């Protein structure tokens, strides 16, 4: 028989079931039973009943701010689960072996950077340990290394474009198009290669230097 779950975990599972029902467009009772089975219970009713009968456990006082989870963060009440920001649900480690719309390491890295730059009014309402355990530590390190490699490979021309992106003219438009393009040869210092890219992507005559 599975061990009884603390009330805080039951409540989190209840929220997860609602999200899962919306995400997969299934009845709430079906998503609840699915999560209950992942905890070793036959259905949600038995899970809830087991929680009702569980002896009270001493808990630390609730913090004045709510715990905020970033992509890949370990779930404090259940260390075997981790937060997936794309699905908005806590999953086991195997979930992070699956490809998502955004690379796991890149998503976690950007989320950490945004959190560190959070405005004071947001930071006053939430908390997250400075060295919060995450299942994506290696993926984050890989994303950082890939970003640094891309930055080191940029040509002087590509760096120059960064300074032109706010211009209100064809050069500014060109800079934004190139900086947001995924296939521009960022390391090239060859004018013919740049012109070929622009021509292939239907750049305007102004951008190509025509009259």
N, C-alpha and C. Protein backbone atom coordinates (compact mmCIF):
# COMPACT_ATOMS: atom_id res chain seq x y z
N UNK A 1 0.85 -1.20 0.00
CA UNK A 1 0.00 0.00 0.00
C UNK A 1 0.89 1.25 0.00
N UNK A 2 0.61 2.22 -0.85
CA UNK A 2 1.43 3.43 -0.88
C UNK A 2 1.32 4.21 0.41
N UNK A 3 2.38 4.92 0.75
CA UNK A 3 2.35 5.72 1.96
C UNK A 3 1.44 6.93 1.78
N UNK A 4 0.89 7.39 2.90
CA UNK A 4 -0.01 8.54 2.86
C UNK A 4 0.75 9.79 2.45
N UNK A 5 0.06 10.67 1.79
CA UNK A 5 0.68 11.90 1.31
C UNK A 5 0.31 13.07 2.20
N UNK A 6 1.21 14.02 2.40
CA UNK A 6 0.89 15.21 3.18
C UNK A 6 -0.14 16.07 2.46
N UNK A 7 -0.85 16.84 3.22
CA UNK A 7 -1.92 17.67 2.66
C UNK A 7 -1.41 18.63 1.60
N UNK A 8 -0.20 19.18 1.81
CA UNK A 8 0.32 20.14 0.84
C UNK A 8 0.56 19.48 -0.51
N UNK A 9 0.97 18.21 -0.50
CA UNK A 9 1.19 17.52 -1.76
C UNK A 9 -0.14 17.17 -2.43
N UNK A 10 -1.15 16.82 -1.62
CA UNK A 10 -2.48 16.56 -2.17
C UNK A 10 -3.01 17.80 -2.90
N UNK A 11 -2.82 18.95 -2.26
CA UNK A 11 -3.31 20.19 -2.86
C UNK A 11 -2.58 20.50 -4.16
N UNK A 12 -1.27 20.23 -4.19
CA UNK A 12 -0.53 20.47 -5.43
C UNK A 12 -0.98 19.51 -6.52
N UNK A 13 -1.23 18.25 -6.14
CA UNK A 13 -1.73 17.28 -7.13
C UNK A 13 -3.10 17.69 -7.65
N UNK A 14 -3.91 18.27 -6.78
CA UNK A 14 -5.24 18.73 -7.20
C UNK A 14 -5.11 19.83 -8.26
N UNK A 15 -4.17 20.77 -8.04
CA UNK A 15 -3.95 21.82 -9.03
C UNK A 15 -3.36 21.26 -10.32
N UNK A 16 -2.43 20.31 -10.16
CA UNK A 16 -1.84 19.69 -11.34
C UNK A 16 -2.90 18.98 -12.18
N UNK A 17 -3.86 18.33 -11.51
CA UNK A 17 -4.91 17.61 -12.22
C UNK A 17 -5.76 18.58 -13.05
N UNK A 18 -6.05 19.74 -12.50
CA UNK A 18 -6.83 20.74 -13.25
C UNK A 18 -6.07 21.20 -14.49
N UNK A 19 -4.76 21.44 -14.32
CA UNK A 19 -3.96 21.88 -15.47
C UNK A 19 -3.91 20.78 -16.53
N UNK A 20 -3.71 19.54 -16.07
CA UNK A 20 -3.61 18.42 -17.00
C UNK A 20 -4.92 18.23 -17.76
N UNK A 21 -6.04 18.41 -17.07
CA UNK A 21 -7.34 18.26 -17.72
C UNK A 21 -7.52 19.31 -18.82
N UNK A 22 -7.09 20.55 -18.53
CA UNK A 22 -7.18 21.61 -19.55
C UNK A 22 -6.22 21.34 -20.70
N UNK A 23 -5.02 20.92 -20.36
CA UNK A 23 -3.99 20.73 -21.37
C UNK A 23 -4.36 19.61 -22.34
N UNK A 24 -4.90 18.51 -21.84
CA UNK A 24 -5.19 17.36 -22.69
C UNK A 24 -6.67 17.24 -23.04
N UNK A 25 -7.47 18.23 -22.56
CA UNK A 25 -8.90 18.26 -22.87
C UNK A 25 -9.58 16.95 -22.46
N UNK A 26 -9.37 16.57 -21.21
CA UNK A 26 -9.98 15.36 -20.67
C UNK A 26 -10.76 15.72 -19.42
N UNK A 27 -11.71 14.86 -18.99
CA UNK A 27 -12.46 15.16 -17.76
C UNK A 27 -11.53 15.26 -16.55
N UNK A 28 -11.93 16.08 -15.59
CA UNK A 28 -11.10 16.29 -14.41
C UNK A 28 -10.88 14.98 -13.65
N UNK A 29 -11.95 14.15 -13.53
CA UNK A 29 -11.78 12.91 -12.76
C UNK A 29 -10.76 11.99 -13.41
N UNK A 30 -10.66 12.06 -14.75
CA UNK A 30 -9.68 11.21 -15.43
C UNK A 30 -8.26 11.67 -15.15
N UNK A 31 -8.04 13.00 -15.17
CA UNK A 31 -6.70 13.51 -14.87
C UNK A 31 -6.35 13.26 -13.40
N UNK A 32 -7.34 13.35 -12.50
CA UNK A 32 -7.08 13.07 -11.09
C UNK A 32 -6.68 11.61 -10.89
N UNK A 33 -7.42 10.70 -11.53
CA UNK A 33 -7.09 9.27 -11.40
C UNK A 33 -5.69 8.99 -11.97
N UNK A 34 -5.35 9.66 -13.05
CA UNK A 34 -4.05 9.42 -13.67
C UNK A 34 -2.92 9.83 -12.71
N UNK A 35 -3.07 10.99 -12.07
CA UNK A 35 -2.04 11.44 -11.14
C UNK A 35 -2.03 10.58 -9.88
N UNK A 36 -3.21 10.12 -9.45
CA UNK A 36 -3.27 9.24 -8.28
C UNK A 36 -2.53 7.94 -8.56
N UNK A 37 -2.70 7.41 -9.77
CA UNK A 37 -2.02 6.16 -10.15
C UNK A 37 -0.51 6.36 -10.22
N UNK A 38 -0.08 7.56 -10.59
CA UNK A 38 1.36 7.81 -10.62
C UNK A 38 1.95 7.83 -9.21
N UNK A 39 1.08 8.01 -8.21
CA UNK A 39 1.52 7.99 -6.81
C UNK A 39 1.33 6.61 -6.19
N UNK A 40 0.83 5.65 -6.98
CA UNK A 40 0.66 4.29 -6.46
C UNK A 40 -0.73 3.96 -5.98
N UNK A 41 -1.69 4.87 -6.14
CA UNK A 41 -3.07 4.63 -5.72
C UNK A 41 -3.90 4.18 -6.92
N UNK A 42 -4.93 3.41 -6.68
CA UNK A 42 -5.77 2.92 -7.76
C UNK A 42 -6.56 4.05 -8.40
N UNK A 43 -7.03 4.99 -7.59
CA UNK A 43 -7.79 6.12 -8.12
C UNK A 43 -7.68 7.31 -7.16
N UNK A 44 -8.27 8.42 -7.57
CA UNK A 44 -8.17 9.66 -6.77
C UNK A 44 -8.88 9.53 -5.44
N UNK A 45 -9.99 8.83 -5.42
CA UNK A 45 -10.76 8.69 -4.18
C UNK A 45 -9.92 8.02 -3.10
N UNK A 46 -9.19 6.96 -3.46
CA UNK A 46 -8.36 6.27 -2.47
C UNK A 46 -7.20 7.14 -2.03
N UNK A 47 -6.66 7.92 -2.97
CA UNK A 47 -5.57 8.82 -2.59
C UNK A 47 -6.06 9.84 -1.57
N UNK A 48 -7.22 10.46 -1.86
CA UNK A 48 -7.76 11.47 -0.94
C UNK A 48 -8.13 10.85 0.41
N UNK A 49 -8.67 9.64 0.39
CA UNK A 49 -9.05 8.96 1.62
C UNK A 49 -7.81 8.66 2.46
N UNK A 50 -6.76 8.22 1.81
CA UNK A 50 -5.53 7.95 2.53
C UNK A 50 -4.96 9.19 3.17
N UNK A 51 -5.10 10.31 2.48
CA UNK A 51 -4.59 11.56 3.04
C UNK A 51 -5.41 11.98 4.25
N UNK A 52 -6.75 11.76 4.17
CA UNK A 52 -7.60 12.13 5.30
C UNK A 52 -7.24 11.34 6.55
N UNK A 53 -6.80 10.10 6.36
CA UNK A 53 -6.50 9.25 7.50
C UNK A 53 -5.05 9.36 7.96
N UNK A 54 -4.26 10.11 7.23
CA UNK A 54 -2.85 10.22 7.59
C UNK A 54 -2.69 11.01 8.88
N UNK A 55 -1.78 10.59 9.75
CA UNK A 55 -1.55 11.33 10.98
C UNK A 55 -0.97 12.71 10.68
N UNK A 56 -1.30 13.65 11.49
CA UNK A 56 -0.82 15.02 11.29
C UNK A 56 0.69 15.05 11.44
N UNK A 57 1.34 15.82 10.59
CA UNK A 57 2.78 15.94 10.63
C UNK A 57 3.16 17.37 10.98
N UNK A 58 4.22 17.48 11.74
CA UNK A 58 4.68 18.82 12.10
C UNK A 58 5.24 19.49 10.86
N UNK A 59 4.87 20.73 10.64
CA UNK A 59 5.33 21.47 9.47
C UNK A 59 5.97 22.77 9.90
N UNK A 60 6.97 23.20 9.17
CA UNK A 60 7.55 24.51 9.50
C UNK A 60 6.54 25.60 9.18
N UNK A 61 6.62 26.72 9.84
CA UNK A 61 5.68 27.82 9.55
C UNK A 61 5.79 28.25 8.10
N UNK A 62 4.66 28.57 7.50
CA UNK A 62 4.63 28.97 6.09
C UNK A 62 5.39 30.29 5.92
N UNK A 63 6.20 30.40 4.89
CA UNK A 63 6.92 31.66 4.66
C UNK A 63 5.95 32.75 4.27
N UNK A 64 6.38 33.98 4.43
CA UNK A 64 5.51 35.11 4.11
C UNK A 64 5.36 35.27 2.60
N UNK A 65 6.24 34.66 1.84
CA UNK A 65 6.14 34.70 0.39
C UNK A 65 5.99 33.28 -0.14
N UNK A 66 5.42 33.14 -1.32
CA UNK A 66 5.21 31.80 -1.88
C UNK A 66 6.46 31.34 -2.60
N UNK A 67 6.66 30.03 -2.57
CA UNK A 67 7.82 29.42 -3.25
C UNK A 67 7.60 29.52 -4.76
N UNK A 68 8.59 30.05 -5.45
CA UNK A 68 8.50 30.22 -6.90
C UNK A 68 9.41 29.19 -7.56
N UNK A 69 8.87 28.49 -8.56
CA UNK A 69 9.63 27.44 -9.24
C UNK A 69 9.97 27.85 -10.66
N UNK A 70 11.21 27.61 -11.03
CA UNK A 70 11.65 27.82 -12.41
C UNK A 70 11.72 26.47 -13.11
N UNK A 71 11.81 26.51 -14.42
CA UNK A 71 11.84 25.28 -15.22
C UNK A 71 12.97 24.36 -14.73
N UNK A 72 12.59 23.13 -14.34
CA UNK A 72 13.57 22.15 -13.89
C UNK A 72 13.79 22.12 -12.39
N UNK A 73 13.21 23.07 -11.64
CA UNK A 73 13.39 23.10 -10.19
C UNK A 73 12.79 21.88 -9.51
N UNK A 74 13.49 21.38 -8.51
CA UNK A 74 12.99 20.24 -7.73
C UNK A 74 11.84 20.69 -6.83
N UNK A 75 10.80 19.88 -6.76
CA UNK A 75 9.61 20.19 -5.96
C UNK A 75 9.91 19.86 -4.49
N UNK A 76 9.84 20.84 -3.62
CA UNK A 76 10.26 20.66 -2.23
C UNK A 76 9.46 19.59 -1.49
N UNK A 77 8.12 19.55 -1.61
CA UNK A 77 7.37 18.50 -0.88
C UNK A 77 7.64 17.09 -1.41
N UNK A 78 8.09 16.95 -2.65
CA UNK A 78 8.33 15.64 -3.24
C UNK A 78 9.58 15.75 -4.12
N UNK A 79 10.77 15.46 -3.57
CA UNK A 79 12.03 15.64 -4.31
C UNK A 79 12.17 14.78 -5.56
N UNK A 80 11.25 13.84 -5.78
CA UNK A 80 11.32 13.01 -6.98
C UNK A 80 10.66 13.69 -8.17
N UNK A 81 10.13 14.89 -7.98
CA UNK A 81 9.43 15.60 -9.06
C UNK A 81 10.07 16.95 -9.32
N UNK A 82 9.92 17.39 -10.56
CA UNK A 82 10.54 18.64 -10.99
C UNK A 82 9.54 19.44 -11.82
N UNK A 83 9.70 20.76 -11.78
CA UNK A 83 8.72 21.63 -12.43
C UNK A 83 9.02 21.79 -13.92
N UNK A 84 8.00 21.56 -14.74
CA UNK A 84 8.08 21.84 -16.18
C UNK A 84 7.29 23.11 -16.44
N UNK A 85 7.97 24.17 -16.82
CA UNK A 85 7.30 25.46 -17.04
C UNK A 85 6.41 25.42 -18.26
N UNK A 86 6.75 24.63 -19.27
CA UNK A 86 5.92 24.57 -20.47
C UNK A 86 4.59 23.89 -20.18
N UNK A 87 4.62 22.81 -19.40
CA UNK A 87 3.39 22.07 -19.06
C UNK A 87 2.73 22.61 -17.80
N UNK A 88 3.46 23.38 -16.98
CA UNK A 88 2.98 23.91 -15.71
C UNK A 88 2.55 22.78 -14.78
N UNK A 89 3.34 21.72 -14.73
CA UNK A 89 3.07 20.54 -13.90
C UNK A 89 4.40 20.01 -13.39
N UNK A 90 4.40 19.36 -12.22
CA UNK A 90 5.58 18.70 -11.69
C UNK A 90 5.62 17.26 -12.20
N UNK A 91 6.78 16.85 -12.73
CA UNK A 91 6.92 15.52 -13.30
C UNK A 91 8.16 14.82 -12.74
N UNK A 92 8.23 13.50 -13.01
CA UNK A 92 9.43 12.75 -12.70
C UNK A 92 10.54 13.08 -13.69
N UNK A 93 11.77 12.62 -13.41
CA UNK A 93 12.93 12.97 -14.25
C UNK A 93 12.76 12.59 -15.71
N UNK A 94 12.05 11.49 -15.99
CA UNK A 94 11.95 11.03 -17.38
C UNK A 94 11.25 12.04 -18.28
N UNK A 95 10.43 12.90 -17.71
CA UNK A 95 9.73 13.90 -18.51
C UNK A 95 10.71 14.82 -19.23
N UNK A 96 11.86 15.07 -18.63
CA UNK A 96 12.82 16.02 -19.19
C UNK A 96 13.74 15.38 -20.22
N UNK A 97 13.50 14.09 -20.50
CA UNK A 97 14.17 13.45 -21.62
C UNK A 97 13.42 13.70 -22.92
N UNK A 98 12.18 14.19 -22.81
CA UNK A 98 11.35 14.44 -23.98
C UNK A 98 11.62 15.85 -24.53
N UNK A 99 11.67 15.96 -25.84
CA UNK A 99 11.87 17.26 -26.47
C UNK A 99 10.64 18.14 -26.28
N UNK A 100 10.85 19.41 -26.00
CA UNK A 100 9.78 20.40 -25.88
C UNK A 100 9.97 21.47 -26.95
N UNK A 101 9.07 22.43 -26.99
CA UNK A 101 9.17 23.47 -28.01
C UNK A 101 10.47 24.25 -27.91
N UNK A 102 10.92 24.48 -26.66
CA UNK A 102 12.18 25.19 -26.42
C UNK A 102 13.12 24.22 -25.71
N UNK A 103 14.39 24.24 -26.10
CA UNK A 103 15.39 23.39 -25.44
C UNK A 103 15.34 23.60 -23.93
N UNK A 104 15.36 22.50 -23.17
CA UNK A 104 15.22 22.59 -21.72
C UNK A 104 16.28 23.48 -21.09
N UNK A 105 17.53 23.31 -21.50
CA UNK A 105 18.60 24.11 -20.91
C UNK A 105 18.45 25.59 -21.21
N UNK A 106 18.10 25.92 -22.46
CA UNK A 106 17.92 27.32 -22.85
C UNK A 106 16.75 27.94 -22.11
N UNK A 107 15.65 27.19 -21.97
CA UNK A 107 14.49 27.71 -21.24
C UNK A 107 14.85 27.98 -19.78
N UNK A 108 15.53 27.03 -19.15
CA UNK A 108 15.89 27.19 -17.74
C UNK A 108 16.88 28.34 -17.54
N UNK A 109 17.83 28.47 -18.46
CA UNK A 109 18.82 29.55 -18.36
C UNK A 109 18.14 30.91 -18.47
N UNK A 110 17.26 31.08 -19.45
CA UNK A 110 16.57 32.36 -19.62
C UNK A 110 15.66 32.65 -18.45
N UNK A 111 15.00 31.61 -17.91
CA UNK A 111 14.11 31.80 -16.76
C UNK A 111 14.91 32.27 -15.54
N UNK A 112 16.09 31.70 -15.33
CA UNK A 112 16.94 32.10 -14.21
C UNK A 112 17.37 33.55 -14.36
N UNK A 113 17.75 33.93 -15.57
CA UNK A 113 18.20 35.31 -15.81
C UNK A 113 17.05 36.29 -15.60
N UNK A 114 15.84 35.93 -16.07
CA UNK A 114 14.70 36.82 -15.86
C UNK A 114 14.38 36.95 -14.38
N UNK A 115 14.44 35.82 -13.66
CA UNK A 115 14.11 35.85 -12.23
C UNK A 115 15.10 36.73 -11.47
N UNK A 116 16.36 36.65 -11.83
CA UNK A 116 17.37 37.45 -11.14
C UNK A 116 17.20 38.94 -11.39
N UNK A 117 16.51 39.28 -12.47
CA UNK A 117 16.27 40.69 -12.80
C UNK A 117 14.85 41.13 -12.44
N UNK A 118 14.16 40.32 -11.64
CA UNK A 118 12.76 40.61 -11.30
C UNK A 118 12.64 41.95 -10.60
N UNK A 119 11.57 42.69 -10.88
CA UNK A 119 11.35 43.96 -10.16
C UNK A 119 11.09 43.70 -8.68
N UNK A 120 11.33 44.70 -7.87
CA UNK A 120 11.23 44.54 -6.42
C UNK A 120 9.83 44.12 -5.97
N UNK A 121 8.78 44.62 -6.63
CA UNK A 121 7.43 44.29 -6.19
C UNK A 121 7.13 42.81 -6.39
N UNK A 122 7.73 42.21 -7.43
CA UNK A 122 7.54 40.77 -7.65
C UNK A 122 8.38 39.99 -6.65
N UNK A 123 9.63 40.39 -6.47
CA UNK A 123 10.52 39.69 -5.54
C UNK A 123 10.00 39.72 -4.11
N UNK A 124 9.20 40.72 -3.77
CA UNK A 124 8.68 40.81 -2.40
C UNK A 124 7.54 39.82 -2.15
N UNK A 125 7.00 39.22 -3.23
CA UNK A 125 5.87 38.31 -3.08
C UNK A 125 6.26 36.84 -3.21
N UNK A 126 7.45 36.57 -3.72
CA UNK A 126 7.86 35.18 -3.95
C UNK A 126 9.27 34.96 -3.40
N UNK A 127 9.62 33.70 -3.24
CA UNK A 127 10.98 33.37 -2.84
C UNK A 127 11.43 32.11 -3.56
N UNK A 128 12.72 32.01 -3.80
CA UNK A 128 13.35 30.84 -4.39
C UNK A 128 14.77 30.76 -3.85
N UNK A 129 15.16 29.59 -3.32
CA UNK A 129 16.53 29.47 -2.79
C UNK A 129 17.56 29.83 -3.85
N UNK A 130 18.63 30.46 -3.42
CA UNK A 130 19.67 30.89 -4.37
C UNK A 130 20.24 29.72 -5.14
N UNK A 131 20.47 28.60 -4.47
CA UNK A 131 21.02 27.41 -5.13
C UNK A 131 19.96 26.32 -5.18
N UNK A 132 18.77 26.67 -5.66
CA UNK A 132 17.67 25.70 -5.72
C UNK A 132 18.07 24.48 -6.54
N UNK A 133 17.83 23.26 -6.03
CA UNK A 133 18.17 22.05 -6.79
C UNK A 133 17.37 22.00 -8.09
N UNK A 134 18.05 21.62 -9.15
CA UNK A 134 17.40 21.52 -10.45
C UNK A 134 17.89 20.28 -11.18
N UNK A 135 17.03 19.69 -11.96
CA UNK A 135 17.41 18.51 -12.74
C UNK A 135 18.15 18.92 -14.01
N UNK A 136 18.18 20.21 -14.30
CA UNK A 136 18.71 20.69 -15.58
C UNK A 136 20.07 21.38 -15.45
N UNK A 137 20.81 21.10 -14.38
CA UNK A 137 22.10 21.77 -14.18
C UNK A 137 23.03 21.55 -15.37
N UNK A 138 23.13 20.32 -15.85
CA UNK A 138 24.02 20.04 -16.99
C UNK A 138 23.51 20.70 -18.26
N UNK A 139 22.19 20.69 -18.46
CA UNK A 139 21.61 21.30 -19.65
C UNK A 139 21.80 22.82 -19.63
N UNK A 140 21.72 23.43 -18.46
CA UNK A 140 21.94 24.88 -18.34
C UNK A 140 23.39 25.21 -18.67
N UNK A 141 24.32 24.39 -18.15
CA UNK A 141 25.74 24.62 -18.44
C UNK A 141 26.01 24.50 -19.94
N UNK A 142 25.36 23.53 -20.58
CA UNK A 142 25.53 23.35 -22.02
C UNK A 142 24.96 24.54 -22.79
N UNK A 143 23.82 25.05 -22.33
CA UNK A 143 23.21 26.21 -22.99
C UNK A 143 24.11 27.45 -22.85
N UNK A 144 24.72 27.62 -21.67
CA UNK A 144 25.65 28.73 -21.48
C UNK A 144 26.85 28.61 -22.41
N UNK A 145 27.40 27.40 -22.50
CA UNK A 145 28.57 27.19 -23.36
C UNK A 145 28.23 27.46 -24.83
N UNK A 146 27.04 27.00 -25.26
CA UNK A 146 26.62 27.23 -26.65
C UNK A 146 26.43 28.71 -26.91
N UNK A 147 25.87 29.42 -25.95
CA UNK A 147 25.66 30.87 -26.11
C UNK A 147 27.00 31.59 -26.22
N UNK A 148 27.97 31.21 -25.37
CA UNK A 148 29.28 31.84 -25.40
C UNK A 148 30.00 31.54 -26.72
N UNK A 149 29.82 30.31 -27.22
CA UNK A 149 30.44 29.96 -28.51
C UNK A 149 29.84 30.78 -29.65
N UNK A 150 28.52 30.95 -29.62
CA UNK A 150 27.87 31.76 -30.66
C UNK A 150 28.35 33.20 -30.60
N UNK A 151 28.48 33.72 -29.39
CA UNK A 151 28.92 35.11 -29.23
C UNK A 151 30.36 35.28 -29.73
N UNK A 152 31.22 34.32 -29.40
CA UNK A 152 32.62 34.41 -29.82
C UNK A 152 32.76 34.31 -31.33
N UNK A 153 31.82 33.62 -31.97
CA UNK A 153 31.91 33.40 -33.43
C UNK A 153 31.34 34.56 -34.24
N UNK A 154 30.71 35.53 -33.59
CA UNK A 154 30.10 36.63 -34.34
C UNK A 154 31.15 37.51 -35.00
N UNK A 155 30.85 37.92 -36.23
CA UNK A 155 31.77 38.78 -36.98
C UNK A 155 31.62 40.23 -36.52
N UNK A 156 32.61 41.07 -36.81
CA UNK A 156 32.48 42.51 -36.49
C UNK A 156 31.23 43.12 -37.11
N UNK A 157 30.88 42.67 -38.33
CA UNK A 157 29.67 43.20 -38.99
C UNK A 157 28.42 42.85 -38.19
N UNK A 158 28.32 41.62 -37.69
CA UNK A 158 27.14 41.22 -36.92
C UNK A 158 27.07 42.00 -35.61
N UNK A 159 28.20 42.27 -35.00
CA UNK A 159 28.21 43.07 -33.77
C UNK A 159 27.81 44.52 -34.07
N UNK A 160 28.25 45.01 -35.23
CA UNK A 160 27.90 46.38 -35.62
C UNK A 160 26.39 46.53 -35.78
N UNK A 161 25.74 45.47 -36.29
CA UNK A 161 24.30 45.52 -36.48
C UNK A 161 23.56 45.75 -35.16
N UNK A 162 24.11 45.24 -34.05
CA UNK A 162 23.49 45.46 -32.74
C UNK A 162 23.29 46.94 -32.45
N UNK A 163 24.21 47.75 -32.94
CA UNK A 163 24.16 49.19 -32.66
C UNK A 163 23.24 49.93 -33.62
N UNK A 164 22.74 49.22 -34.64
CA UNK A 164 21.90 49.86 -35.63
C UNK A 164 20.42 49.50 -35.52
N UNK A 165 20.09 48.58 -34.64
CA UNK A 165 18.73 48.02 -34.62
C UNK A 165 17.66 49.01 -34.21
N UNK A 166 18.05 50.13 -33.58
CA UNK A 166 17.04 51.12 -33.16
C UNK A 166 16.87 52.25 -34.18
N UNK A 167 17.56 52.18 -35.29
CA UNK A 167 17.43 53.21 -36.31
C UNK A 167 16.10 53.11 -37.04
N UNK A 168 15.52 54.24 -37.35
CA UNK A 168 14.25 54.28 -38.07
C UNK A 168 14.49 54.50 -39.55
N UNK A 169 15.19 53.55 -40.17
CA UNK A 169 15.47 53.64 -41.59
C UNK A 169 15.74 52.23 -42.10
N UNK A 170 15.99 52.06 -43.41
CA UNK A 170 16.22 50.71 -43.95
C UNK A 170 17.35 49.95 -43.25
N UNK A 171 18.39 50.68 -42.79
CA UNK A 171 19.49 50.01 -42.09
C UNK A 171 18.99 49.41 -40.78
N UNK A 172 18.14 50.15 -40.07
CA UNK A 172 17.57 49.61 -38.83
C UNK A 172 16.70 48.40 -39.10
N UNK A 173 15.91 48.48 -40.18
CA UNK A 173 15.07 47.32 -40.55
C UNK A 173 15.94 46.11 -40.88
N UNK A 174 17.01 46.37 -41.63
CA UNK A 174 17.93 45.29 -42.00
C UNK A 174 18.55 44.67 -40.76
N UNK A 175 19.00 45.52 -39.82
CA UNK A 175 19.63 45.01 -38.60
C UNK A 175 18.68 44.11 -37.83
N UNK A 176 17.44 44.54 -37.68
CA UNK A 176 16.48 43.73 -36.93
C UNK A 176 16.16 42.41 -37.64
N UNK A 177 16.03 42.46 -38.97
CA UNK A 177 15.74 41.24 -39.72
C UNK A 177 16.88 40.23 -39.56
N UNK A 178 18.12 40.72 -39.67
CA UNK A 178 19.26 39.81 -39.57
C UNK A 178 19.43 39.29 -38.15
N UNK A 179 19.29 40.17 -37.16
CA UNK A 179 19.50 39.76 -35.76
C UNK A 179 18.45 38.75 -35.31
N UNK A 180 17.27 38.80 -35.91
CA UNK A 180 16.22 37.85 -35.54
C UNK A 180 16.18 36.64 -36.48
N UNK A 181 17.01 36.65 -37.50
CA UNK A 181 17.04 35.52 -38.42
C UNK A 181 17.86 34.37 -37.86
N UNK A 182 17.36 33.17 -38.00
CA UNK A 182 18.04 32.00 -37.44
C UNK A 182 19.14 31.47 -38.35
N UNK A 183 19.12 31.85 -39.62
CA UNK A 183 20.04 31.23 -40.57
C UNK A 183 21.10 32.18 -41.11
N UNK A 184 21.16 33.39 -40.59
CA UNK A 184 22.17 34.32 -41.05
C UNK A 184 23.55 33.83 -40.63
N UNK A 185 24.56 33.87 -41.54
CA UNK A 185 25.91 33.40 -41.19
C UNK A 185 26.62 34.41 -40.29
N UNK A 186 26.37 34.31 -38.98
CA UNK A 186 26.84 35.34 -38.03
C UNK A 186 28.35 35.51 -38.00
N UNK A 187 29.09 34.49 -38.41
CA UNK A 187 30.54 34.60 -38.35
C UNK A 187 31.19 35.11 -39.61
N UNK A 188 30.41 35.32 -40.65
CA UNK A 188 31.02 35.70 -41.92
C UNK A 188 31.48 37.15 -41.93
N UNK A 189 32.63 37.37 -42.57
CA UNK A 189 33.13 38.73 -42.78
C UNK A 189 33.18 39.03 -44.27
N UNK A 190 32.50 38.18 -45.04
CA UNK A 190 32.53 38.30 -46.51
C UNK A 190 31.32 39.06 -47.00
N UNK A 191 31.53 40.16 -47.71
CA UNK A 191 30.43 40.94 -48.27
C UNK A 191 29.61 40.12 -49.26
N UNK A 192 30.22 39.34 -50.15
CA UNK A 192 29.42 38.53 -51.07
C UNK A 192 28.50 37.55 -50.34
N UNK A 193 28.97 36.96 -49.24
CA UNK A 193 28.13 36.01 -48.49
C UNK A 193 26.94 36.73 -47.88
N UNK A 194 27.17 37.94 -47.37
CA UNK A 194 26.07 38.73 -46.80
C UNK A 194 25.07 39.09 -47.89
N UNK A 195 25.56 39.54 -49.05
CA UNK A 195 24.67 39.92 -50.14
C UNK A 195 23.86 38.71 -50.64
N UNK A 196 24.49 37.53 -50.67
CA UNK A 196 23.76 36.32 -51.08
C UNK A 196 22.62 36.03 -50.10
N UNK A 197 22.91 36.17 -48.81
CA UNK A 197 21.86 35.93 -47.81
C UNK A 197 20.71 36.92 -47.99
N UNK A 198 21.06 38.19 -48.18
CA UNK A 198 20.03 39.22 -48.33
C UNK A 198 19.20 38.99 -49.59
N UNK A 199 19.88 38.63 -50.67
CA UNK A 199 19.17 38.38 -51.92
C UNK A 199 18.24 37.18 -51.78
N UNK A 200 18.73 36.11 -51.16
CA UNK A 200 17.91 34.90 -50.97
C UNK A 200 16.70 35.17 -50.09
N UNK A 201 16.82 36.16 -49.19
CA UNK A 201 15.71 36.46 -48.28
C UNK A 201 14.94 37.71 -48.70
N UNK A 202 15.08 38.06 -49.99
CA UNK A 202 14.27 39.12 -50.59
C UNK A 202 14.44 40.47 -49.91
N UNK A 203 15.68 40.82 -49.61
CA UNK A 203 15.94 42.13 -49.00
C UNK A 203 15.59 43.24 -49.99
N UNK A 204 15.28 44.41 -49.46
CA UNK A 204 14.95 45.54 -50.32
C UNK A 204 16.19 46.06 -51.04
N UNK A 205 15.96 46.84 -52.10
CA UNK A 205 17.09 47.42 -52.84
C UNK A 205 17.89 48.35 -51.96
N UNK A 206 17.20 49.06 -51.04
CA UNK A 206 17.90 49.97 -50.13
C UNK A 206 18.88 49.20 -49.26
N UNK A 207 18.42 48.03 -48.75
CA UNK A 207 19.29 47.23 -47.89
C UNK A 207 20.49 46.70 -48.65
N UNK A 208 20.30 46.42 -49.94
CA UNK A 208 21.38 45.88 -50.76
C UNK A 208 22.30 46.98 -51.29
N UNK A 209 21.93 48.23 -51.00
CA UNK A 209 22.76 49.33 -51.44
C UNK A 209 22.44 49.82 -52.83
N UNK A 210 21.26 49.41 -53.32
CA UNK A 210 20.84 49.84 -54.65
C UNK A 210 20.21 51.20 -54.61
N UNK A 211 19.92 51.75 -55.79
CA UNK A 211 19.28 53.05 -55.86
C UNK A 211 17.84 52.91 -56.29
